[in-house]
């Protein structure tokens, strides 16, 4: 994501005649000059402080803000991540400027009046936004559109080390521990493993088996619009262009035909495996592997196989 941001910044700088400054916040003294030179960075500001061992919006903002006020950059890019979503609004308020979140495209055909686009309504439409400010424009980029690309010629990077020396009592909220997400309740948009049930998998006989399988592989339950409309699974579990867009490492589609609006929500998945009785189901055309089979026969055997593998230590 960070390298993708550098590439995006480099493309913008080339079009508008600017230079790229990279910001690093760390509790350690590390040299990033080789990486930065490969991505066209002209200058790097490396903020160092023991408080940066964990992300803190108070500490990050306190370190960055004076430099932003001094340098007055034209554009400040961040990733639309947990960190970016918290830090960007904080800086925006302190700088009294504007912010665009989840940006997917920047139109620089008019460099003095760039147009920013963000997806809305489940990625079905794009919203066009233009800043009405003379101050720094803050933008968080949708990480799905960031593509790292090395520059053709490396350049020398000017690195400035900044010892922040922030007071420890600056941080009002403190990191205590990392808690693993509950796979049963985690938002499907954030899940690493999803077991998705279509109309062919939500009968009174099959739905308990789907839930048992999901629990065995620690997968979050997903579903399709017809299932939600039928009241079998809550709406917040709906995946597709009118529901949640997901990108798990593993997506298991059970009894899902593969309508276009559903496929549009799973295309970023790492691996898609499908099981459907209909060998002509469109879902197979968008799957890495699949089986034309009856779930009433497959699910009990699959569950038993996983249980056996776990009991014998074949899988954890």
C-alpha atoms as a PDB file:
ATOM      1  CA  UNK A   1       0.000   0.000   0.000  1.00  0.00           C
ATOM      2  CA  UNK A   2       2.774   2.429   0.906  1.00  0.00           C
ATOM      3  CA  UNK A   3       4.674   1.716  -2.310  1.00  0.00           C
ATOM      4  CA  UNK A   4       1.448   2.156  -4.254  1.00  0.00           C
ATOM      5  CA  UNK A   5       0.991   5.567  -2.649  1.00  0.00           C
ATOM      6  CA  UNK A   6       4.511   6.562  -3.669  1.00  0.00           C
ATOM      7  CA  UNK A   7       3.802   5.532  -7.264  1.00  0.00           C
ATOM      8  CA  UNK A   8       0.524   7.464  -7.267  1.00  0.00           C
ATOM      9  CA  UNK A   9       2.271  10.520  -5.863  1.00  0.00           C
ATOM     10  CA  UNK A  10       5.002  10.207  -8.500  1.00  0.00           C
ATOM     11  CA  UNK A  11       2.462  10.100 -11.328  1.00  0.00           C
ATOM     12  CA  UNK A  12       0.719  13.185  -9.971  1.00  0.00           C
ATOM     13  CA  UNK A  13       3.993  15.075  -9.491  1.00  0.00           C
ATOM     14  CA  UNK A  14       5.015  14.363 -13.068  1.00  0.00           C
ATOM     15  CA  UNK A  15       1.708  15.700 -14.419  1.00  0.00           C
ATOM     16  CA  UNK A  16       1.583  18.881 -12.341  1.00  0.00           C
ATOM     17  CA  UNK A  17       5.328  19.617 -12.196  1.00  0.00           C
ATOM     18  CA  UNK A  18       5.897  18.890  -8.521  1.00  0.00           C
ATOM     19  CA  UNK A  19       8.088  16.683  -6.366  1.00  0.00           C
ATOM     20  CA  UNK A  20       7.304  13.883  -3.952  1.00  0.00           C
ATOM     21  CA  UNK A  21       8.042  14.023  -0.231  1.00  0.00           C
ATOM     22  CA  UNK A  22       7.591  10.801   1.732  1.00  0.00           C
ATOM     23  CA  UNK A  23       6.730  10.805   5.427  1.00  0.00           C
ATOM     24  CA  UNK A  24       7.886   8.040   7.761  1.00  0.00           C
ATOM     25  CA  UNK A  25       6.977   7.729  11.449  1.00  0.00           C
ATOM     26  CA  UNK A  26       8.960   5.160  13.389  1.00  0.00           C
ATOM     27  CA  UNK A  27      10.403   4.379  16.787  1.00  0.00           C
ATOM     28  CA  UNK A  28      13.535   2.995  15.112  1.00  0.00           C
ATOM     29  CA  UNK A  29      16.354   4.446  13.033  1.00  0.00           C
ATOM     30  CA  UNK A  30      15.983   2.833   9.607  1.00  0.00           C
ATOM     31  CA  UNK A  31      17.307   3.867   6.204  1.00  0.00           C
ATOM     32  CA  UNK A  32      14.653   3.843   3.469  1.00  0.00           C
ATOM     33  CA  UNK A  33      16.664   5.810   0.883  1.00  0.00           C
ATOM     34  CA  UNK A  34      17.148   2.874  -1.509  1.00  0.00           C
ATOM     35  CA  UNK A  35      13.417   2.189  -1.641  1.00  0.00           C
ATOM     36  CA  UNK A  36      12.539   5.856  -2.009  1.00  0.00           C
ATOM     37  CA  UNK A  37      15.023   6.373  -4.844  1.00  0.00           C
ATOM     38  CA  UNK A  38      13.409   3.522  -6.772  1.00  0.00           C
ATOM     39  CA  UNK A  39      10.000   5.219  -6.510  1.00  0.00           C
ATOM     40  CA  UNK A  40      10.970   8.744  -7.495  1.00  0.00           C
ATOM     41  CA  UNK A  41      10.911  10.315  -4.042  1.00  0.00           C
ATOM     42  CA  UNK A  42      12.876  13.578  -3.897  1.00  0.00           C
ATOM     43  CA  UNK A  43      12.758  14.101  -0.144  1.00  0.00           C
ATOM     44  CA  UNK A  44      11.956  12.006   2.916  1.00  0.00           C
ATOM     45  CA  UNK A  45      10.918  13.298   6.322  1.00  0.00           C
ATOM     46  CA  UNK A  46      11.649  10.609   8.906  1.00  0.00           C
ATOM     47  CA  UNK A  47       9.952  11.344  12.227  1.00  0.00           C
ATOM     48  CA  UNK A  48      11.453   9.378  15.114  1.00  0.00           C
ATOM     49  CA  UNK A  49       9.971   8.982  18.574  1.00  0.00           C
ATOM     50  CA  UNK A  50       9.432   6.086  21.008  1.00  0.00           C
ATOM     51  CA  UNK A  51       5.718   6.986  20.937  1.00  0.00           C
ATOM     52  CA  UNK A  52       5.544   5.779  17.321  1.00  0.00           C
ATOM     53  CA  UNK A  53       5.977   2.130  18.360  1.00  0.00           C
ATOM     54  CA  UNK A  54       2.172   1.922  18.102  1.00  0.00           C
ATOM     55  CA  UNK A  55      -0.120   4.071  16.033  1.00  0.00           C
ATOM     56  CA  UNK A  56      -1.520   7.004  17.974  1.00  0.00           C
ATOM     57  CA  UNK A  57      -3.540   9.664  16.221  1.00  0.00           C
ATOM     58  CA  UNK A  58      -2.470  12.240  18.842  1.00  0.00           C
ATOM     59  CA  UNK A  59       1.237  11.475  18.431  1.00  0.00           C
ATOM     60  CA  UNK A  60       1.150  11.221  14.631  1.00  0.00           C
ATOM     61  CA  UNK A  61      -0.795  14.466  14.248  1.00  0.00           C
ATOM     62  CA  UNK A  62       1.406  16.340  16.735  1.00  0.00           C
ATOM     63  CA  UNK A  63       4.522  15.328  14.786  1.00  0.00           C
ATOM     64  CA  UNK A  64       3.195  15.920  11.275  1.00  0.00           C
ATOM     65  CA  UNK A  65       1.130  19.064  11.783  1.00  0.00           C
ATOM     66  CA  UNK A  66       3.997  21.596  12.270  1.00  0.00           C
ATOM     67  CA  UNK A  67       5.684  20.331   9.114  1.00  0.00           C
ATOM     68  CA  UNK A  68       2.482  20.547   7.089  1.00  0.00           C
ATOM     69  CA  UNK A  69       1.974  24.120   8.233  1.00  0.00           C
ATOM     70  CA  UNK A  70       5.594  24.962   7.341  1.00  0.00           C
ATOM     71  CA  UNK A  71       5.795  23.262   3.941  1.00  0.00           C
ATOM     72  CA  UNK A  72       2.162  23.824   2.898  1.00  0.00           C
ATOM     73  CA  UNK A  73       2.077  20.869   0.452  1.00  0.00           C
ATOM     74  CA  UNK A  74      -0.381  21.089  -2.431  1.00  0.00           C
ATOM     75  CA  UNK A  75      -1.640  17.547  -1.869  1.00  0.00           C
ATOM     76  CA  UNK A  76      -1.252  15.104   1.006  1.00  0.00           C
ATOM     77  CA  UNK A  77      -1.971  11.435   0.214  1.00  0.00           C
ATOM     78  CA  UNK A  78      -2.712   8.671   2.697  1.00  0.00           C
ATOM     79  CA  UNK A  79      -4.080   5.173   2.378  1.00  0.00           C
ATOM     80  CA  UNK A  80      -7.762   4.620   3.122  1.00  0.00           C
ATOM     81  CA  UNK A  81      -6.777   2.258   5.929  1.00  0.00           C
ATOM     82  CA  UNK A  82      -7.607   2.085   9.636  1.00  0.00           C
ATOM     83  CA  UNK A  83      -4.732   4.500  10.258  1.00  0.00           C
ATOM     84  CA  UNK A  84      -5.602   6.830   7.395  1.00  0.00           C
ATOM     85  CA  UNK A  85      -9.297   6.917   8.264  1.00  0.00           C
ATOM     86  CA  UNK A  86      -8.477   8.140  11.766  1.00  0.00           C
ATOM     87  CA  UNK A  87      -5.515  10.403  11.044  1.00  0.00           C
ATOM     88  CA  UNK A  88      -6.846  12.182   7.938  1.00  0.00           C
ATOM     89  CA  UNK A  89      -9.994  13.716   9.545  1.00  0.00           C
ATOM     90  CA  UNK A  90      -7.902  14.725  12.561  1.00  0.00           C
ATOM     91  CA  UNK A  91      -5.408  16.616  10.405  1.00  0.00           C
ATOM     92  CA  UNK A  92      -8.179  18.057   8.253  1.00  0.00           C
ATOM     93  CA  UNK A  93      -9.848  19.677  11.254  1.00  0.00           C
ATOM     94  CA  UNK A  94      -6.564  21.038  12.631  1.00  0.00           C
ATOM     95  CA  UNK A  95      -5.579  22.469   9.218  1.00  0.00           C
ATOM     96  CA  UNK A  96      -9.094  23.762   8.539  1.00  0.00           C
ATOM     97  CA  UNK A  97      -9.060  22.305   5.045  1.00  0.00           C
ATOM     98  CA  UNK A  98     -10.949  19.653   3.070  1.00  0.00           C
ATOM     99  CA  UNK A  99     -10.729  15.875   2.854  1.00  0.00           C
ATOM    100  CA  UNK A 100     -11.728  13.263   0.292  1.00  0.00           C
ATOM    101  CA  UNK A 101     -11.851   9.679   1.548  1.00  0.00           C
ATOM    102  CA  UNK A 102     -11.722   6.466  -0.473  1.00  0.00           C
ATOM    103  CA  UNK A 103     -10.516   8.173  -3.663  1.00  0.00           C
ATOM    104  CA  UNK A 104     -10.317   5.813  -6.664  1.00  0.00           C
ATOM    105  CA  UNK A 105      -9.322   8.234  -9.435  1.00  0.00           C
ATOM    106  CA  UNK A 106      -7.796  11.689  -9.864  1.00  0.00           C
ATOM    107  CA  UNK A 107      -8.412  13.725 -13.014  1.00  0.00           C
ATOM    108  CA  UNK A 108      -5.562  16.178 -13.629  1.00  0.00           C
ATOM    109  CA  UNK A 109      -6.629  17.401 -17.064  1.00  0.00           C
ATOM    110  CA  UNK A 110      -6.996  20.800 -15.354  1.00  0.00           C
ATOM    111  CA  UNK A 111      -4.037  20.813 -12.929  1.00  0.00           C
ATOM    112  CA  UNK A 112      -5.221  23.967 -11.185  1.00  0.00           C
ATOM    113  CA  UNK A 113      -8.606  22.348 -10.504  1.00  0.00           C
ATOM    114  CA  UNK A 114      -8.160  18.594 -10.054  1.00  0.00           C
ATOM    115  CA  UNK A 115     -11.212  16.386  -9.872  1.00  0.00           C
ATOM    116  CA  UNK A 116     -11.352  13.507  -7.444  1.00  0.00           C
ATOM    117  CA  UNK A 117     -13.616  10.504  -7.702  1.00  0.00           C
ATOM    118  CA  UNK A 118     -14.834   8.170  -4.978  1.00  0.00           C
ATOM    119  CA  UNK A 119     -17.132   5.177  -5.356  1.00  0.00           C
ATOM    120  CA  UNK A 120     -20.598   5.283  -3.791  1.00  0.00           C
ATOM    121  CA  UNK A 121     -23.635   2.989  -3.590  1.00  0.00           C
ATOM    122  CA  UNK A 122     -21.598  -0.197  -3.356  1.00  0.00           C
ATOM    123  CA  UNK A 123     -19.220   0.783  -6.181  1.00  0.00           C
ATOM    124  CA  UNK A 124     -22.125   1.277  -8.594  1.00  0.00           C
ATOM    125  CA  UNK A 125     -21.570   5.011  -9.093  1.00  0.00           C
ATOM    126  CA  UNK A 126     -18.740   7.520  -8.825  1.00  0.00           C
ATOM    127  CA  UNK A 127     -18.995  10.807  -6.980  1.00  0.00           C
ATOM    128  CA  UNK A 128     -17.004  13.698  -8.454  1.00  0.00           C
ATOM    129  CA  UNK A 129     -15.502  16.084  -5.920  1.00  0.00           C
ATOM    130  CA  UNK A 130     -13.627  19.368  -6.390  1.00  0.00           C
ATOM    131  CA  UNK A 131     -11.837  21.131  -3.527  1.00  0.00           C
ATOM    132  CA  UNK A 132     -12.861  24.667  -2.595  1.00  0.00           C
ATOM    133  CA  UNK A 133      -9.731  25.551  -0.663  1.00  0.00           C
ATOM    134  CA  UNK A 134      -6.349  27.207  -1.112  1.00  0.00           C
ATOM    135  CA  UNK A 135      -4.881  25.024   1.618  1.00  0.00           C
ATOM    136  CA  UNK A 136      -3.459  21.535   1.488  1.00  0.00           C
ATOM    137  CA  UNK A 137      -5.798  18.997  -0.084  1.00  0.00           C
ATOM    138  CA  UNK A 138      -6.030  15.811   1.993  1.00  0.00           C
ATOM    139  CA  UNK A 139      -6.951  12.580   0.221  1.00  0.00           C
ATOM    140  CA  UNK A 140      -7.104   8.958   1.355  1.00  0.00           C
ATOM    141  CA  UNK A 141      -6.684   6.579  -1.569  1.00  0.00           C
ATOM    142  CA  UNK A 142      -8.681   3.365  -1.913  1.00  0.00           C
ATOM    143  CA  UNK A 143      -5.959   0.733  -1.541  1.00  0.00           C
ATOM    144  CA  UNK A 144      -7.549  -1.391  -4.296  1.00  0.00           C
ATOM    145  CA  UNK A 145      -6.453   1.121  -6.962  1.00  0.00           C
ATOM    146  CA  UNK A 146      -2.854   1.489  -5.818  1.00  0.00           C
ATOM    147  CA  UNK A 147      -0.260  -0.232  -8.004  1.00  0.00           C
ATOM    148  CA  UNK A 148       3.442  -0.016  -7.071  1.00  0.00           C
ATOM    149  CA  UNK A 149       5.658   0.775 -10.070  1.00  0.00           C
ATOM    150  CA  UNK A 150       9.389   1.459 -10.073  1.00  0.00           C
ATOM    151  CA  UNK A 151      10.614   4.583 -11.863  1.00  0.00           C
ATOM    152  CA  UNK A 152      12.829   4.213 -14.923  1.00  0.00           C
ATOM    153  CA  UNK A 153      15.660   6.228 -13.370  1.00  0.00           C
ATOM    154  CA  UNK A 154      16.556   6.344  -9.706  1.00  0.00           C
ATOM    155  CA  UNK A 155      17.305   9.646  -8.034  1.00  0.00           C
ATOM    156  CA  UNK A 156      19.138  10.812  -4.942  1.00  0.00           C
ATOM    157  CA  UNK A 157      16.870  11.280  -1.948  1.00  0.00           C
ATOM    158  CA  UNK A 158      17.319  14.065   0.586  1.00  0.00           C
ATOM    159  CA  UNK A 159      16.498  12.553   3.981  1.00  0.00           C
ATOM    160  CA  UNK A 160      15.693  14.747   6.961  1.00  0.00           C
ATOM    161  CA  UNK A 161      15.638  13.084  10.385  1.00  0.00           C
ATOM    162  CA  UNK A 162      13.217  14.764  12.797  1.00  0.00           C
ATOM    163  CA  UNK A 163      13.438  13.868  16.489  1.00  0.00           C
ATOM    164  CA  UNK A 164       9.920  14.638  17.614  1.00  0.00           C
ATOM    165  CA  UNK A 165      10.526  14.408  21.389  1.00  0.00           C
ATOM    166  CA  UNK A 166       6.826  14.351  22.111  1.00  0.00           C
ATOM    167  CA  UNK A 167       5.657  14.376  25.745  1.00  0.00           C
ATOM    168  CA  UNK A 168       4.366  10.991  26.880  1.00  0.00           C
ATOM    169  CA  UNK A 169       1.215  12.533  28.356  1.00  0.00           C
ATOM    170  CA  UNK A 170       0.240  13.702  24.871  1.00  0.00           C
ATOM    171  CA  UNK A 171      -1.383  10.337  24.173  1.00  0.00           C
ATOM    172  CA  UNK A 172      -4.854  10.133  25.690  1.00  0.00           C
ATOM    173  CA  UNK A 173      -5.701   6.706  24.278  1.00  0.00           C
ATOM    174  CA  UNK A 174      -3.236   3.846  24.635  1.00  0.00           C
ATOM    175  CA  UNK A 175      -2.731   0.556  22.899  1.00  0.00           C
ATOM    176  CA  UNK A 176      -3.294  -2.337  25.311  1.00  0.00           C
ATOM    177  CA  UNK A 177      -3.323  -5.481  23.188  1.00  0.00           C
ATOM    178  CA  UNK A 178      -4.392  -6.933  19.874  1.00  0.00           C
ATOM    179  CA  UNK A 179      -7.643  -8.883  20.019  1.00  0.00           C
ATOM    180  CA  UNK A 180      -8.284 -11.368  17.207  1.00  0.00           C
ATOM    181  CA  UNK A 181     -11.472 -10.645  15.285  1.00  0.00           C
ATOM    182  CA  UNK A 182     -14.393 -12.956  15.999  1.00  0.00           C
ATOM    183  CA  UNK A 183     -14.919 -14.673  12.656  1.00  0.00           C
ATOM    184  CA  UNK A 184     -18.620 -15.084  13.457  1.00  0.00           C
ATOM    185  CA  UNK A 185     -19.291 -11.381  13.916  1.00  0.00           C
ATOM    186  CA  UNK A 186     -16.578  -9.667  11.857  1.00  0.00           C
ATOM    187  CA  UNK A 187     -17.789  -7.525   8.966  1.00  0.00           C
ATOM    188  CA  UNK A 188     -17.613  -9.635   5.799  1.00  0.00           C
ATOM    189  CA  UNK A 189     -15.802  -6.742   4.119  1.00  0.00           C
ATOM    190  CA  UNK A 190     -12.915  -7.355   6.549  1.00  0.00           C
ATOM    191  CA  UNK A 191     -13.049 -11.171   6.724  1.00  0.00           C
ATOM    192  CA  UNK A 192     -10.112 -13.283   5.538  1.00  0.00           C
ATOM    193  CA  UNK A 193     -12.279 -16.381   5.023  1.00  0.00           C
ATOM    194  CA  UNK A 194     -15.901 -16.310   3.876  1.00  0.00           C
ATOM    195  CA  UNK A 195     -18.423 -19.127   3.560  1.00  0.00           C
ATOM    196  CA  UNK A 196     -21.224 -17.724   1.441  1.00  0.00           C
ATOM    197  CA  UNK A 197     -24.652 -19.354   1.207  1.00  0.00           C
ATOM    198  CA  UNK A 198     -26.989 -18.842  -1.743  1.00  0.00           C
ATOM    199  CA  UNK A 199     -30.588 -19.965  -2.152  1.00  0.00           C
ATOM    200  CA  UNK A 200     -29.383 -23.519  -2.748  1.00  0.00           C
ATOM    201  CA  UNK A 201     -27.770 -23.658   0.703  1.00  0.00           C
ATOM    202  CA  UNK A 202     -30.269 -22.097   3.115  1.00  0.00           C
ATOM    203  CA  UNK A 203     -32.915 -24.785   3.489  1.00  0.00           C
ATOM    204  CA  UNK A 204     -33.777 -25.859   7.030  1.00  0.00           C
ATOM    205  CA  UNK A 205     -31.654 -28.949   6.407  1.00  0.00           C
ATOM    206  CA  UNK A 206     -28.590 -27.240   4.928  1.00  0.00           C
ATOM    207  CA  UNK A 207     -28.221 -23.932   6.755  1.00  0.00           C
ATOM    208  CA  UNK A 208     -27.105 -25.549  10.054  1.00  0.00           C
ATOM    209  CA  UNK A 209     -24.470 -27.484   8.081  1.00  0.00           C
ATOM    210  CA  UNK A 210     -23.264 -24.279   6.419  1.00  0.00           C
ATOM    211  CA  UNK A 211     -22.923 -22.655   9.842  1.00  0.00           C
ATOM    212  CA  UNK A 212     -21.075 -25.697  11.215  1.00  0.00           C
ATOM    213  CA  UNK A 213     -18.664 -25.685   8.265  1.00  0.00           C
ATOM    214  CA  UNK A 214     -18.020 -21.957   8.663  1.00  0.00           C
ATOM    215  CA  UNK A 215     -17.242 -22.462  12.355  1.00  0.00           C
ATOM    216  CA  UNK A 216     -14.823 -25.289  11.557  1.00  0.00           C
ATOM    217  CA  UNK A 217     -12.768 -23.201   9.140  1.00  0.00           C
ATOM    218  CA  UNK A 218     -13.326 -19.943  11.065  1.00  0.00           C
ATOM    219  CA  UNK A 219     -15.117 -18.369   8.135  1.00  0.00           C
ATOM    220  CA  UNK A 220     -17.485 -15.431   8.210  1.00  0.00           C
ATOM    221  CA  UNK A 221     -20.972 -16.150   6.847  1.00  0.00           C
ATOM    222  CA  UNK A 222     -21.877 -14.293   3.648  1.00  0.00           C
ATOM    223  CA  UNK A 223     -24.904 -14.455   1.408  1.00  0.00           C
ATOM    224  CA  UNK A 224     -26.800 -13.142  -1.619  1.00  0.00           C
ATOM    225  CA  UNK A 225     -29.739 -10.777  -2.081  1.00  0.00           C
ATOM    226  CA  UNK A 226     -32.450 -13.468  -2.554  1.00  0.00           C
ATOM    227  CA  UNK A 227     -31.441 -15.064   0.751  1.00  0.00           C
ATOM    228  CA  UNK A 228     -31.598 -11.707   2.533  1.00  0.00           C
ATOM    229  CA  UNK A 229     -34.965 -10.929   0.947  1.00  0.00           C
ATOM    230  CA  UNK A 230     -36.182 -14.294   2.219  1.00  0.00           C
ATOM    231  CA  UNK A 231     -35.162 -13.388   5.769  1.00  0.00           C
ATOM    232  CA  UNK A 232     -32.755 -16.298   6.217  1.00  0.00           C
ATOM    233  CA  UNK A 233     -29.550 -14.293   6.831  1.00  0.00           C
ATOM    234  CA  UNK A 234     -29.236 -10.623   7.981  1.00  0.00           C
ATOM    235  CA  UNK A 235     -28.764  -7.894   5.371  1.00  0.00           C
ATOM    236  CA  UNK A 236     -25.337  -6.858   6.707  1.00  0.00           C
ATOM    237  CA  UNK A 237     -24.049 -10.231   5.460  1.00  0.00           C
ATOM    238  CA  UNK A 238     -25.123  -9.573   1.846  1.00  0.00           C
ATOM    239  CA  UNK A 239     -22.278  -9.590  -0.686  1.00  0.00           C
ATOM    240  CA  UNK A 240     -22.454  -7.992  -4.123  1.00  0.00           C
ATOM    241  CA  UNK A 241     -22.650  -4.655  -5.879  1.00  0.00           C
ATOM    242  CA  UNK A 242     -25.701  -3.688  -3.793  1.00  0.00           C
ATOM    243  CA  UNK A 243     -24.203  -5.191  -0.635  1.00  0.00           C
ATOM    244  CA  UNK A 244     -20.632  -5.539   0.618  1.00  0.00           C
ATOM    245  CA  UNK A 245     -17.630  -5.727  -1.686  1.00  0.00           C
ATOM    246  CA  UNK A 246     -15.255  -8.311  -0.211  1.00  0.00           C
ATOM    247  CA  UNK A 247     -11.659  -9.421  -0.757  1.00  0.00           C
ATOM    248  CA  UNK A 248     -10.998 -12.451   1.461  1.00  0.00           C
ATOM    249  CA  UNK A 249      -8.077 -14.825   0.988  1.00  0.00           C
ATOM    250  CA  UNK A 250     -10.586 -17.665   0.571  1.00  0.00           C
ATOM    251  CA  UNK A 251     -14.193 -17.480  -0.636  1.00  0.00           C
ATOM    252  CA  UNK A 252     -16.388 -20.592  -0.578  1.00  0.00           C
ATOM    253  CA  UNK A 253     -19.616 -20.201  -2.569  1.00  0.00           C
ATOM    254  CA  UNK A 254     -22.303 -22.721  -1.654  1.00  0.00           C
ATOM    255  CA  UNK A 255     -25.466 -22.949  -3.735  1.00  0.00           C
ATOM    256  CA  UNK A 256     -24.796 -19.598  -5.427  1.00  0.00           C
ATOM    257  CA  UNK A 257     -25.692 -19.307  -9.104  1.00  0.00           C
ATOM    258  CA  UNK A 258     -23.339 -16.396  -9.751  1.00  0.00           C
ATOM    259  CA  UNK A 259     -25.491 -13.452 -10.818  1.00  0.00           C
ATOM    260  CA  UNK A 260     -23.549 -10.471 -12.168  1.00  0.00           C
ATOM    261  CA  UNK A 261     -24.264  -8.223  -9.194  1.00  0.00           C
ATOM    262  CA  UNK A 262     -22.892 -10.877  -6.814  1.00  0.00           C
ATOM    263  CA  UNK A 263     -19.762 -11.579  -8.879  1.00  0.00           C
ATOM    264  CA  UNK A 264     -19.049  -7.846  -8.850  1.00  0.00           C
ATOM    265  CA  UNK A 265     -18.651  -8.040  -5.093  1.00  0.00           C
ATOM    266  CA  UNK A 266     -16.185 -10.951  -4.913  1.00  0.00           C
ATOM    267  CA  UNK A 267     -13.758 -10.308  -7.774  1.00  0.00           C
ATOM    268  CA  UNK A 268     -10.969  -9.209  -5.425  1.00  0.00           C
ATOM    269  CA  UNK A 269     -11.028 -12.528  -3.533  1.00  0.00           C
ATOM    270  CA  UNK A 270      -7.788 -14.493  -3.378  1.00  0.00           C
ATOM    271  CA  UNK A 271      -9.249 -17.917  -4.195  1.00  0.00           C
ATOM    272  CA  UNK A 272     -12.871 -18.733  -5.045  1.00  0.00           C
ATOM    273  CA  UNK A 273     -14.220 -22.276  -4.664  1.00  0.00           C
ATOM    274  CA  UNK A 274     -17.809 -23.042  -5.679  1.00  0.00           C
ATOM    275  CA  UNK A 275     -20.243 -25.914  -5.156  1.00  0.00           C
ATOM    276  CA  UNK A 276     -23.514 -25.921  -7.071  1.00  0.00           C
ATOM    277  CA  UNK A 277     -25.857 -28.627  -8.395  1.00  0.00           C
ATOM    278  CA  UNK A 278     -26.102 -26.913 -11.785  1.00  0.00           C
ATOM    279  CA  UNK A 279     -22.950 -27.583 -13.858  1.00  0.00           C
ATOM    280  CA  UNK A 280     -23.892 -24.595 -16.054  1.00  0.00           C
ATOM    281  CA  UNK A 281     -24.066 -22.126 -13.151  1.00  0.00           C
ATOM    282  CA  UNK A 282     -22.230 -18.865 -14.046  1.00  0.00           C
ATOM    283  CA  UNK A 283     -20.387 -18.962 -10.715  1.00  0.00           C
ATOM    284  CA  UNK A 284     -18.052 -21.638 -12.112  1.00  0.00           C
ATOM    285  CA  UNK A 285     -16.792 -19.221 -14.778  1.00  0.00           C
ATOM    286  CA  UNK A 286     -15.533 -16.948 -12.007  1.00  0.00           C
ATOM    287  CA  UNK A 287     -14.097 -19.633  -9.722  1.00  0.00           C
ATOM    288  CA  UNK A 288     -10.600 -21.017  -9.289  1.00  0.00           C
ATOM    289  CA  UNK A 289     -12.130 -24.454  -8.699  1.00  0.00           C
ATOM    290  CA  UNK A 290     -15.602 -25.898  -8.363  1.00  0.00           C
ATOM    291  CA  UNK A 291     -17.756 -28.974  -8.052  1.00  0.00           C
ATOM    292  CA  UNK A 292     -21.129 -29.697  -9.598  1.00  0.00           C
ATOM    293  CA  UNK A 293     -22.602 -31.603  -6.679  1.00  0.00           C
ATOM    294  CA  UNK A 294     -25.505 -31.805  -4.240  1.00  0.00           C
ATOM    295  CA  UNK A 295     -24.757 -29.971  -1.004  1.00  0.00           C
ATOM    296  CA  UNK A 296     -26.827 -32.510   0.923  1.00  0.00           C
ATOM    297  CA  UNK A 297     -24.195 -35.088   0.044  1.00  0.00           C
ATOM    298  CA  UNK A 298     -21.113 -32.879   0.063  1.00  0.00           C
ATOM    299  CA  UNK A 299     -21.474 -30.864   3.275  1.00  0.00           C
ATOM    300  CA  UNK A 300     -21.753 -33.757   5.783  1.00  0.00           C
ATOM    301  CA  UNK A 301     -18.744 -35.496   4.215  1.00  0.00           C
ATOM    302  CA  UNK A 302     -16.722 -32.278   4.051  1.00  0.00           C
ATOM    303  CA  UNK A 303     -17.477 -31.465   7.683  1.00  0.00           C
ATOM    304  CA  UNK A 304     -16.527 -34.981   8.768  1.00  0.00           C
ATOM    305  CA  UNK A 305     -13.280 -34.826   6.764  1.00  0.00           C
ATOM    306  CA  UNK A 306     -12.269 -31.516   8.355  1.00  0.00           C
ATOM    307  CA  UNK A 307     -13.090 -32.782  11.844  1.00  0.00           C
ATOM    308  CA  UNK A 308     -10.993 -35.894  11.222  1.00  0.00           C
ATOM    309  CA  UNK A 309      -8.081 -33.855   9.877  1.00  0.00           C
ATOM    310  CA  UNK A 310      -8.169 -31.597  12.939  1.00  0.00           C
ATOM    311  CA  UNK A 311      -8.305 -34.518  15.379  1.00  0.00           C
ATOM    312  CA  UNK A 312      -5.272 -36.114  13.706  1.00  0.00           C
ATOM    313  CA  UNK A 313      -3.301 -32.865  13.620  1.00  0.00           C
ATOM    314  CA  UNK A 314      -3.354 -32.635   9.813  1.00  0.00           C
ATOM    315  CA  UNK A 315      -4.722 -29.096  10.068  1.00  0.00           C
ATOM    316  CA  UNK A 316      -4.805 -26.717  13.003  1.00  0.00           C
END
